[in-house]
Amino acid sequence: MTNRRHFLAGIAAAGTAGTWAMQALAQTDTTESAWARINRTKVLRMGAVAGAAPYYHKDLASGEWQGFMIDFGKSLAAGLNVKLEINETTWGNSVLDLQSNKIDVFFGLNPTPARALVVDFSDPLFNNAFVLVARKGFSPKTWDELNKPDVKIAVDIGSSHDQVVTKMCPNAQIIRLEKAADATLALQTGRADAQVLAVVLALTVVSKNPTVGHIVLPTPTQATTTNLGFRKETDRQWVEYVNKWIAQTRASGKVKEVVLSNMQTLSGVKPDQVPSEISF
């Protein structure tokens, strides 16, 4: 009987999620498509997150935006021959801003199944490998070496970092904290042997405070993709155009160039500090 209730509850949940997705799609169908609006107004609206260098950085004095996502946005707008309009948002609100048609695109979303129900995603812009910021004297070469009861790993709860550690290191002591900065502090104070972060963030942390630890890339390499998010709509022209732009940008080597340039400018990370095994 319990299994039957769980089965029926699962069907109901799936039906509800499907209904939400259909409602979201129906609502967007009644409005002008993003592709049509961009071409009519000659304005591309992108979301940006303050204080998220090297992804996004807003100069408080001048109001000027920097960061590799900003540079990618400028490149995309230039290809369309339109003006780039930058609207401040947060990582948490970006999906809502796409749904409510406040922005046309958001750079830097990870395509989780839950998000895919309510917004659309581009092809990957680049891959962001997961690495360790490890304490001095701790240099595990594999995830298996981390997956031990006496190893303490700090992560920000509910993040992609948390997800990969849960998957790869179920036997380790996982210290789940509210923010990535809290996990870094746990490493600094000796509460943890390592912190798991996407490589862009890890390099930034070590560059700002070299005493916190050193970068370790455990094998087999685990990575997440960095994608662009869009409002869900039946007209696919906007998504298809962006995917072609991504393919061209990646083929030209521009992705790596833009990422490394901003990491050096905004985070002090030199290209030779990036592990040779890492590719963007």
C-alpha atoms as a PDB file:
ATOM      1  CA  MET A   1       0.000   0.000   0.000  1.00  0.00           C
ATOM      2  CA  THR A   2       2.843   2.385   0.849  1.00  0.00           C
ATOM      3  CA  ASN A   3       4.507   1.751  -2.506  1.00  0.00           C
ATOM      4  CA  ARG A   4       1.197   2.347  -4.266  1.00  0.00           C
ATOM      5  CA  ARG A   5       0.736   5.685  -2.470  1.00  0.00           C
ATOM      6  CA  HIS A   6       4.268   6.720  -3.423  1.00  0.00           C
ATOM      7  CA  PHE A   7       3.629   5.683  -7.020  1.00  0.00           C
ATOM      8  CA  LEU A   8       0.404   7.686  -7.230  1.00  0.00           C
ATOM      9  CA  ALA A   9       2.026  10.656  -5.527  1.00  0.00           C
ATOM     10  CA  GLY A  10       4.826  10.541  -8.084  1.00  0.00           C
ATOM     11  CA  ILE A  11       2.322  10.587 -10.942  1.00  0.00           C
ATOM     12  CA  ALA A  12       0.542  13.537  -9.353  1.00  0.00           C
ATOM     13  CA  ALA A  13       3.815  15.444  -8.873  1.00  0.00           C
ATOM     14  CA  ALA A  14       4.871  14.792 -12.442  1.00  0.00           C
ATOM     15  CA  GLY A  15       1.456  15.933 -13.650  1.00  0.00           C
ATOM     16  CA  THR A  16       1.693  19.134 -11.624  1.00  0.00           C
ATOM     17  CA  ALA A  17       5.194  19.895 -12.930  1.00  0.00           C
ATOM     18  CA  GLY A  18       3.987  19.252 -16.475  1.00  0.00           C
ATOM     19  CA  THR A  19       1.019  21.559 -15.927  1.00  0.00           C
ATOM     20  CA  TRP A  20       3.291  24.360 -14.674  1.00  0.00           C
ATOM     21  CA  ALA A  21       5.514  23.965 -17.720  1.00  0.00           C
ATOM     22  CA  MET A  22       2.501  24.043 -20.073  1.00  0.00           C
ATOM     23  CA  GLN A  23       1.099  27.111 -18.316  1.00  0.00           C
ATOM     24  CA  ALA A  24       4.456  28.883 -18.585  1.00  0.00           C
ATOM     25  CA  LEU A  25       4.645  28.070 -22.284  1.00  0.00           C
ATOM     26  CA  ALA A  26       1.060  29.196 -22.880  1.00  0.00           C
ATOM     27  CA  GLN A  27       1.746  32.512 -21.173  1.00  0.00           C
ATOM     28  CA  THR A  28       4.832  33.228 -23.278  1.00  0.00           C
ATOM     29  CA  ASP A  29       2.952  32.357 -26.471  1.00  0.00           C
ATOM     30  CA  THR A  30       0.678  35.361 -25.908  1.00  0.00           C
ATOM     31  CA  THR A  31       3.615  37.791 -25.918  1.00  0.00           C
ATOM     32  CA  GLU A  32       6.034  38.931 -28.573  1.00  0.00           C
ATOM     33  CA  SER A  33       8.918  36.502 -29.006  1.00  0.00           C
ATOM     34  CA  ALA A  34      12.363  37.514 -27.765  1.00  0.00           C
ATOM     35  CA  TRP A  35      13.760  37.299 -31.297  1.00  0.00           C
ATOM     36  CA  ALA A  36      11.029  39.583 -32.647  1.00  0.00           C
ATOM     37  CA  ARG A  37      11.415  42.071 -29.779  1.00  0.00           C
ATOM     38  CA  ILE A  38      15.205  42.283 -30.111  1.00  0.00           C
ATOM     39  CA  ASN A  39      14.946  42.910 -33.846  1.00  0.00           C
ATOM     40  CA  ARG A  40      12.179  45.488 -33.396  1.00  0.00           C
ATOM     41  CA  THR A  41      13.755  47.486 -30.553  1.00  0.00           C
ATOM     42  CA  LYS A  42      17.424  46.897 -31.475  1.00  0.00           C
ATOM     43  CA  VAL A  43      18.077  46.274 -27.765  1.00  0.00           C
ATOM     44  CA  LEU A  44      19.359  43.084 -26.115  1.00  0.00           C
ATOM     45  CA  ARG A  45      18.514  42.865 -22.416  1.00  0.00           C
ATOM     46  CA  MET A  46      20.831  40.691 -20.328  1.00  0.00           C
ATOM     47  CA  GLY A  47      20.860  40.063 -16.589  1.00  0.00           C
ATOM     48  CA  ALA A  48      23.980  40.624 -14.478  1.00  0.00           C
ATOM     49  CA  VAL A  49      24.917  39.888 -10.863  1.00  0.00           C
ATOM     50  CA  ALA A  50      26.876  42.464  -8.853  1.00  0.00           C
ATOM     51  CA  GLY A  51      29.785  41.194  -6.760  1.00  0.00           C
ATOM     52  CA  ALA A  52      30.282  37.994  -8.740  1.00  0.00           C
ATOM     53  CA  ALA A  53      33.738  38.553 -10.252  1.00  0.00           C
ATOM     54  CA  PRO A  54      35.105  37.307 -12.555  1.00  0.00           C
ATOM     55  CA  TYR A  55      31.673  36.366 -13.962  1.00  0.00           C
ATOM     56  CA  TYR A  56      30.190  39.803 -13.277  1.00  0.00           C
ATOM     57  CA  HIS A  57      31.577  42.902 -11.571  1.00  0.00           C
ATOM     58  CA  LYS A  58      29.947  46.309 -11.151  1.00  0.00           C
ATOM     59  CA  ASP A  59      32.140  49.277 -10.287  1.00  0.00           C
ATOM     60  CA  LEU A  60      30.274  51.025  -7.460  1.00  0.00           C
ATOM     61  CA  ALA A  61      31.736  54.436  -8.309  1.00  0.00           C
ATOM     62  CA  SER A  62      31.154  54.503 -12.068  1.00  0.00           C
ATOM     63  CA  GLY A  63      28.377  51.929 -12.400  1.00  0.00           C
ATOM     64  CA  GLU A  64      30.390  50.265 -15.175  1.00  0.00           C
ATOM     65  CA  TRP A  65      30.006  46.507 -15.606  1.00  0.00           C
ATOM     66  CA  GLN A  66      32.907  44.130 -16.228  1.00  0.00           C
ATOM     67  CA  GLY A  67      33.417  40.383 -16.236  1.00  0.00           C
ATOM     68  CA  PHE A  68      33.622  37.637 -18.803  1.00  0.00           C
ATOM     69  CA  MET A  69      29.840  37.251 -18.987  1.00  0.00           C
ATOM     70  CA  ILE A  70      29.583  40.971 -19.750  1.00  0.00           C
ATOM     71  CA  ASP A  71      32.171  40.596 -22.520  1.00  0.00           C
ATOM     72  CA  PHE A  72      30.232  37.654 -23.951  1.00  0.00           C
ATOM     73  CA  GLY A  73      27.053  39.755 -23.831  1.00  0.00           C
ATOM     74  CA  LYS A  74      28.774  42.591 -25.683  1.00  0.00           C
ATOM     75  CA  SER A  75      29.983  40.150 -28.338  1.00  0.00           C
ATOM     76  CA  LEU A  76      26.502  38.698 -28.780  1.00  0.00           C
ATOM     77  CA  ALA A  77      24.939  42.182 -29.068  1.00  0.00           C
ATOM     78  CA  ALA A  78      27.610  43.316 -31.543  1.00  0.00           C
ATOM     79  CA  GLY A  79      26.876  40.328 -33.769  1.00  0.00           C
ATOM     80  CA  LEU A  80      23.212  41.332 -33.782  1.00  0.00           C
ATOM     81  CA  ASN A  81      24.101  45.012 -34.320  1.00  0.00           C
ATOM     82  CA  VAL A  82      21.954  46.008 -31.328  1.00  0.00           C
ATOM     83  CA  LYS A  83      22.479  47.921 -28.068  1.00  0.00           C
ATOM     84  CA  LEU A  84      23.284  45.909 -24.947  1.00  0.00           C
ATOM     85  CA  GLU A  85      21.126  46.771 -21.917  1.00  0.00           C
ATOM     86  CA  ILE A  86      22.394  45.353 -18.620  1.00  0.00           C
ATOM     87  CA  ASN A  87      19.811  44.765 -15.890  1.00  0.00           C
ATOM     88  CA  GLU A  88      20.964  43.886 -12.392  1.00  0.00           C
ATOM     89  CA  THR A  89      19.569  40.678 -10.928  1.00  0.00           C
ATOM     90  CA  THR A  90      20.737  37.840  -8.670  1.00  0.00           C
ATOM     91  CA  TRP A  91      21.568  34.198  -9.324  1.00  0.00           C
ATOM     92  CA  GLY A  92      18.340  33.291  -7.539  1.00  0.00           C
ATOM     93  CA  ASN A  93      16.117  35.788  -9.376  1.00  0.00           C
ATOM     94  CA  SER A  94      17.527  35.290 -12.868  1.00  0.00           C
ATOM     95  CA  VAL A  95      15.048  32.545 -13.762  1.00  0.00           C
ATOM     96  CA  LEU A  96      12.126  34.682 -12.560  1.00  0.00           C
ATOM     97  CA  ASP A  97      13.396  37.642 -14.583  1.00  0.00           C
ATOM     98  CA  LEU A  98      13.514  35.475 -17.694  1.00  0.00           C
ATOM     99  CA  GLN A  99      10.024  34.134 -17.059  1.00  0.00           C
ATOM    100  CA  SER A 100       8.581  37.605 -16.489  1.00  0.00           C
ATOM    101  CA  ASN A 101      10.192  38.938 -19.692  1.00  0.00           C
ATOM    102  CA  LYS A 102      12.428  41.447 -17.877  1.00  0.00           C
ATOM    103  CA  ILE A 103      15.511  40.123 -19.673  1.00  0.00           C
ATOM    104  CA  ASP A 104      16.145  38.255 -22.928  1.00  0.00           C
ATOM    105  CA  VAL A 105      19.112  36.197 -21.781  1.00  0.00           C
ATOM    106  CA  PHE A 106      21.099  35.282 -18.689  1.00  0.00           C
ATOM    107  CA  PHE A 107      24.677  34.005 -18.948  1.00  0.00           C
ATOM    108  CA  GLY A 108      25.789  31.419 -16.406  1.00  0.00           C
ATOM    109  CA  LEU A 109      22.878  29.086 -15.672  1.00  0.00           C
ATOM    110  CA  ASN A 110      23.384  25.405 -15.026  1.00  0.00           C
ATOM    111  CA  PRO A 111      20.608  23.411 -16.760  1.00  0.00           C
ATOM    112  CA  THR A 112      19.092  21.477 -13.867  1.00  0.00           C
ATOM    113  CA  PRO A 113      15.955  19.393 -14.530  1.00  0.00           C
ATOM    114  CA  ALA A 114      13.865  21.718 -12.326  1.00  0.00           C
ATOM    115  CA  ARG A 115      14.980  24.834 -14.201  1.00  0.00           C
ATOM    116  CA  ALA A 116      14.443  23.152 -17.568  1.00  0.00           C
ATOM    117  CA  LEU A 117      10.722  22.922 -16.778  1.00  0.00           C
ATOM    118  CA  VAL A 118      10.348  26.704 -16.739  1.00  0.00           C
ATOM    119  CA  VAL A 119      13.156  28.177 -18.886  1.00  0.00           C
ATOM    120  CA  ASP A 120      15.089  27.114 -21.977  1.00  0.00           C
ATOM    121  CA  PHE A 121      18.846  26.641 -22.220  1.00  0.00           C
ATOM    122  CA  SER A 122      21.522  27.103 -24.843  1.00  0.00           C
ATOM    123  CA  ASP A 123      24.238  24.647 -25.710  1.00  0.00           C
ATOM    124  CA  PRO A 124      27.153  24.817 -23.213  1.00  0.00           C
ATOM    125  CA  LEU A 125      29.233  27.986 -23.460  1.00  0.00           C
ATOM    126  CA  PHE A 126      32.073  26.291 -21.576  1.00  0.00           C
ATOM    127  CA  ASN A 127      32.779  23.506 -19.099  1.00  0.00           C
ATOM    128  CA  ASN A 128      33.637  24.369 -15.501  1.00  0.00           C
ATOM    129  CA  ALA A 129      35.541  21.511 -13.847  1.00  0.00           C
ATOM    130  CA  PHE A 130      35.182  20.839 -10.133  1.00  0.00           C
ATOM    131  CA  VAL A 131      38.427  21.083  -8.174  1.00  0.00           C
ATOM    132  CA  LEU A 132      39.569  21.100  -4.565  1.00  0.00           C
ATOM    133  CA  VAL A 133      41.005  23.932  -2.597  1.00  0.00           C
ATOM    134  CA  ALA A 134      42.975  21.639  -0.280  1.00  0.00           C
ATOM    135  CA  ARG A 135      44.855  22.329   2.944  1.00  0.00           C
ATOM    136  CA  LYS A 136      48.633  22.179   3.007  1.00  0.00           C
ATOM    137  CA  GLY A 137      49.891  18.603   2.931  1.00  0.00           C
ATOM    138  CA  PHE A 138      46.628  17.208   1.550  1.00  0.00           C
ATOM    139  CA  SER A 139      46.871  16.280  -2.152  1.00  0.00           C
ATOM    140  CA  PRO A 140      44.473  13.470  -3.091  1.00  0.00           C
ATOM    141  CA  LYS A 141      44.764  12.446  -6.727  1.00  0.00           C
ATOM    142  CA  THR A 142      41.352  10.786  -7.107  1.00  0.00           C
ATOM    143  CA  TRP A 143      37.796  11.135  -5.851  1.00  0.00           C
ATOM    144  CA  ASP A 144      38.179   7.662  -4.334  1.00  0.00           C
ATOM    145  CA  GLU A 145      40.910   9.008  -2.044  1.00  0.00           C
ATOM    146  CA  LEU A 146      38.431  11.631  -0.851  1.00  0.00           C
ATOM    147  CA  ASN A 147      35.651   9.124  -0.299  1.00  0.00           C
ATOM    148  CA  LYS A 148      36.800   8.099   3.179  1.00  0.00           C
ATOM    149  CA  PRO A 149      35.213   8.584   6.628  1.00  0.00           C
ATOM    150  CA  ASP A 150      38.179  10.520   7.970  1.00  0.00           C
ATOM    151  CA  VAL A 151      38.149  13.128   5.140  1.00  0.00           C
ATOM    152  CA  LYS A 152      36.267  16.377   5.813  1.00  0.00           C
ATOM    153  CA  ILE A 153      34.940  18.286   2.787  1.00  0.00           C
ATOM    154  CA  ALA A 154      33.261  21.705   3.024  1.00  0.00           C
ATOM    155  CA  VAL A 155      30.633  22.859   0.513  1.00  0.00           C
ATOM    156  CA  ASP A 156      27.873  25.441   0.205  1.00  0.00           C
ATOM    157  CA  ILE A 157      24.621  23.578   0.755  1.00  0.00           C
ATOM    158  CA  GLY A 158      22.368  22.858  -2.220  1.00  0.00           C
ATOM    159  CA  SER A 159      24.953  24.028  -4.761  1.00  0.00           C
ATOM    160  CA  SER A 160      26.450  22.123  -7.685  1.00  0.00           C
ATOM    161  CA  HIS A 161      29.493  21.671  -5.409  1.00  0.00           C
ATOM    162  CA  ASP A 162      27.266  19.917  -2.872  1.00  0.00           C
ATOM    163  CA  GLN A 163      25.774  17.737  -5.605  1.00  0.00           C
ATOM    164  CA  VAL A 164      29.105  16.485  -6.940  1.00  0.00           C
ATOM    165  CA  VAL A 165      30.473  15.719  -3.443  1.00  0.00           C
ATOM    166  CA  THR A 166      27.271  13.876  -2.516  1.00  0.00           C
ATOM    167  CA  LYS A 167      27.631  11.803  -5.668  1.00  0.00           C
ATOM    168  CA  MET A 168      31.380  11.129  -5.535  1.00  0.00           C
ATOM    169  CA  CYS A 169      32.125  11.066  -1.790  1.00  0.00           C
ATOM    170  CA  PRO A 170      29.179   9.553   0.131  1.00  0.00           C
ATOM    171  CA  ASN A 171      31.524   8.092   2.766  1.00  0.00           C
ATOM    172  CA  ALA A 172      33.343  11.356   3.527  1.00  0.00           C
ATOM    173  CA  GLN A 173      32.358  13.838   6.236  1.00  0.00           C
ATOM    174  CA  ILE A 174      30.537  16.495   4.220  1.00  0.00           C
ATOM    175  CA  ILE A 175      30.325  19.838   6.014  1.00  0.00           C
ATOM    176  CA  ARG A 176      27.414  21.721   4.449  1.00  0.00           C
ATOM    177  CA  LEU A 177      27.369  25.465   5.091  1.00  0.00           C
ATOM    178  CA  GLU A 178      25.170  28.308   3.903  1.00  0.00           C
ATOM    179  CA  LYS A 179      27.643  30.077   1.607  1.00  0.00           C
ATOM    180  CA  ALA A 180      30.795  29.231  -0.337  1.00  0.00           C
ATOM    181  CA  ALA A 181      32.622  31.843   1.767  1.00  0.00           C
ATOM    182  CA  ASP A 182      31.613  29.926   4.899  1.00  0.00           C
ATOM    183  CA  ALA A 183      33.064  26.730   3.421  1.00  0.00           C
ATOM    184  CA  THR A 184      36.306  28.591   2.659  1.00  0.00           C
ATOM    185  CA  LEU A 185      36.436  29.770   6.271  1.00  0.00           C
ATOM    186  CA  ALA A 186      35.968  26.177   7.455  1.00  0.00           C
ATOM    187  CA  LEU A 187      39.013  25.217   5.397  1.00  0.00           C
ATOM    188  CA  GLN A 188      41.044  28.165   6.727  1.00  0.00           C
ATOM    189  CA  THR A 189      40.251  27.346  10.351  1.00  0.00           C
ATOM    190  CA  GLY A 190      41.092  23.649  10.006  1.00  0.00           C
ATOM    191  CA  ARG A 191      37.520  22.336  10.234  1.00  0.00           C
ATOM    192  CA  ALA A 192      37.829  20.872   6.736  1.00  0.00           C
ATOM    193  CA  ASP A 193      40.550  19.201   4.690  1.00  0.00           C
ATOM    194  CA  ALA A 194      39.263  20.640   1.435  1.00  0.00           C
ATOM    195  CA  GLN A 195      36.568  22.715  -0.192  1.00  0.00           C
ATOM    196  CA  VAL A 196      35.039  21.718  -3.524  1.00  0.00           C
ATOM    197  CA  LEU A 197      34.479  24.558  -6.009  1.00  0.00           C
ATOM    198  CA  ALA A 198      34.136  25.065  -9.750  1.00  0.00           C
ATOM    199  CA  VAL A 199      37.614  25.878 -11.047  1.00  0.00           C
ATOM    200  CA  VAL A 200      36.867  29.541 -11.883  1.00  0.00           C
ATOM    201  CA  LEU A 201      35.785  30.199  -8.293  1.00  0.00           C
ATOM    202  CA  ALA A 202      38.571  28.089  -6.778  1.00  0.00           C
ATOM    203  CA  LEU A 203      41.287  29.965  -8.653  1.00  0.00           C
ATOM    204  CA  THR A 204      39.780  33.263  -7.519  1.00  0.00           C
ATOM    205  CA  VAL A 205      39.772  32.145  -3.868  1.00  0.00           C
ATOM    206  CA  VAL A 206      43.421  31.001  -3.959  1.00  0.00           C
ATOM    207  CA  SER A 207      44.540  34.095  -5.844  1.00  0.00           C
ATOM    208  CA  LYS A 208      43.030  36.397  -3.227  1.00  0.00           C
ATOM    209  CA  ASN A 209      44.413  34.376  -0.316  1.00  0.00           C
ATOM    210  CA  PRO A 210      47.217  31.939  -1.269  1.00  0.00           C
ATOM    211  CA  THR A 211      47.501  30.702   2.322  1.00  0.00           C
ATOM    212  CA  VAL A 212      44.023  29.171   2.248  1.00  0.00           C
ATOM    213  CA  GLY A 213      45.224  26.135   0.291  1.00  0.00           C
ATOM    214  CA  HIS A 214      46.238  24.811  -3.113  1.00  0.00           C
ATOM    215  CA  ILE A 215      44.321  23.641  -6.186  1.00  0.00           C
ATOM    216  CA  VAL A 216      43.877  19.899  -6.760  1.00  0.00           C
ATOM    217  CA  LEU A 217      42.068  18.403  -9.767  1.00  0.00           C
ATOM    218  CA  PRO A 218      40.905  14.923  -8.693  1.00  0.00           C
ATOM    219  CA  THR A 219      40.291  12.257 -11.310  1.00  0.00           C
ATOM    220  CA  PRO A 220      38.141  11.263 -13.035  1.00  0.00           C
ATOM    221  CA  THR A 221      37.394  14.899 -13.874  1.00  0.00           C
ATOM    222  CA  GLN A 222      33.910  16.030 -12.870  1.00  0.00           C
ATOM    223  CA  ALA A 223      32.492  19.166 -14.468  1.00  0.00           C
ATOM    224  CA  THR A 224      29.377  21.239 -14.874  1.00  0.00           C
ATOM    225  CA  THR A 225      28.360  23.194 -17.948  1.00  0.00           C
ATOM    226  CA  THR A 226      27.878  26.937 -18.090  1.00  0.00           C
ATOM    227  CA  ASN A 227      24.906  27.768 -20.302  1.00  0.00           C
ATOM    228  CA  LEU A 228      22.696  30.689 -21.265  1.00  0.00           C
ATOM    229  CA  GLY A 229      19.087  30.809 -20.081  1.00  0.00           C
ATOM    230  CA  PHE A 230      16.064  32.075 -22.035  1.00  0.00           C
ATOM    231  CA  ARG A 231      12.356  32.598 -21.515  1.00  0.00           C
ATOM    232  CA  LYS A 232      10.479  29.458 -22.584  1.00  0.00           C
ATOM    233  CA  GLU A 233       8.622  30.049 -25.867  1.00  0.00           C
ATOM    234  CA  THR A 234       7.624  28.114 -28.985  1.00  0.00           C
ATOM    235  CA  ASP A 235       9.567  30.400 -31.340  1.00  0.00           C
ATOM    236  CA  ARG A 236      13.067  28.862 -31.401  1.00  0.00           C
ATOM    237  CA  GLN A 237      14.815  31.489 -33.536  1.00  0.00           C
ATOM    238  CA  TRP A 238      16.475  33.251 -30.592  1.00  0.00           C
ATOM    239  CA  VAL A 239      17.839  30.030 -29.057  1.00  0.00           C
ATOM    240  CA  GLU A 240      19.000  28.758 -32.446  1.00  0.00           C
ATOM    241  CA  TYR A 241      20.825  32.019 -33.199  1.00  0.00           C
ATOM    242  CA  VAL A 242      22.608  31.967 -29.834  1.00  0.00           C
ATOM    243  CA  ASN A 243      23.655  28.331 -30.287  1.00  0.00           C
ATOM    244  CA  LYS A 244      25.262  29.248 -33.629  1.00  0.00           C
ATOM    245  CA  TRP A 245      27.024  32.184 -31.939  1.00  0.00           C
ATOM    246  CA  ILE A 246      28.309  29.847 -29.197  1.00  0.00           C
ATOM    247  CA  ALA A 247      29.630  27.347 -31.756  1.00  0.00           C
ATOM    248  CA  GLN A 248      31.451  30.110 -33.635  1.00  0.00           C
ATOM    249  CA  THR A 249      32.837  31.664 -30.437  1.00  0.00           C
ATOM    250  CA  ARG A 250      34.135  28.331 -29.126  1.00  0.00           C
ATOM    251  CA  ALA A 251      35.668  27.389 -32.492  1.00  0.00           C
ATOM    252  CA  SER A 252      37.581  30.673 -32.619  1.00  0.00           C
ATOM    253  CA  GLY A 253      39.156  30.098 -29.185  1.00  0.00           C
ATOM    254  CA  LYS A 254      37.504  33.266 -27.929  1.00  0.00           C
ATOM    255  CA  VAL A 255      35.878  31.578 -24.915  1.00  0.00           C
ATOM    256  CA  LYS A 256      39.193  30.672 -23.285  1.00  0.00           C
ATOM    257  CA  GLU A 257      40.674  34.060 -24.173  1.00  0.00           C
ATOM    258  CA  VAL A 258      37.800  36.022 -22.612  1.00  0.00           C
ATOM    259  CA  VAL A 259      37.625  33.868 -19.461  1.00  0.00           C
ATOM    260  CA  LEU A 260      41.372  33.974 -18.756  1.00  0.00           C
ATOM    261  CA  SER A 261      41.630  37.706 -19.505  1.00  0.00           C
ATOM    262  CA  ASN A 262      38.892  38.583 -17.006  1.00  0.00           C
ATOM    263  CA  MET A 263      40.223  36.187 -14.387  1.00  0.00           C
ATOM    264  CA  GLN A 264      43.567  37.985 -14.541  1.00  0.00           C
ATOM    265  CA  THR A 265      42.072  41.495 -14.563  1.00  0.00           C
ATOM    266  CA  LEU A 266      39.384  41.020 -11.920  1.00  0.00           C
ATOM    267  CA  SER A 267      40.738  38.184  -9.767  1.00  0.00           C
ATOM    268  CA  GLY A 268      44.499  38.363 -10.235  1.00  0.00           C
ATOM    269  CA  VAL A 269      44.618  34.821 -11.639  1.00  0.00           C
ATOM    270  CA  LYS A 270      47.457  34.420 -14.125  1.00  0.00           C
ATOM    271  CA  PRO A 271      47.032  32.005 -17.059  1.00  0.00           C
ATOM    272  CA  ASP A 272      49.887  29.805 -15.782  1.00  0.00           C
ATOM    273  CA  GLN A 273      47.969  29.268 -12.528  1.00  0.00           C
ATOM    274  CA  VAL A 274      45.224  27.389 -14.380  1.00  0.00           C
ATOM    275  CA  PRO A 275      45.885  23.617 -14.269  1.00  0.00           C
ATOM    276  CA  SER A 276      47.074  22.389 -17.677  1.00  0.00           C
ATOM    277  CA  GLU A 277      44.350  19.724 -17.660  1.00  0.00           C
ATOM    278  CA  ILE A 278      41.630  22.407 -17.559  1.00  0.00           C
ATOM    279  CA  SER A 279      40.077  23.561 -20.825  1.00  0.00           C
ATOM    280  CA  PHE A 280      37.266  26.073 -21.232  1.00  0.00           C
END
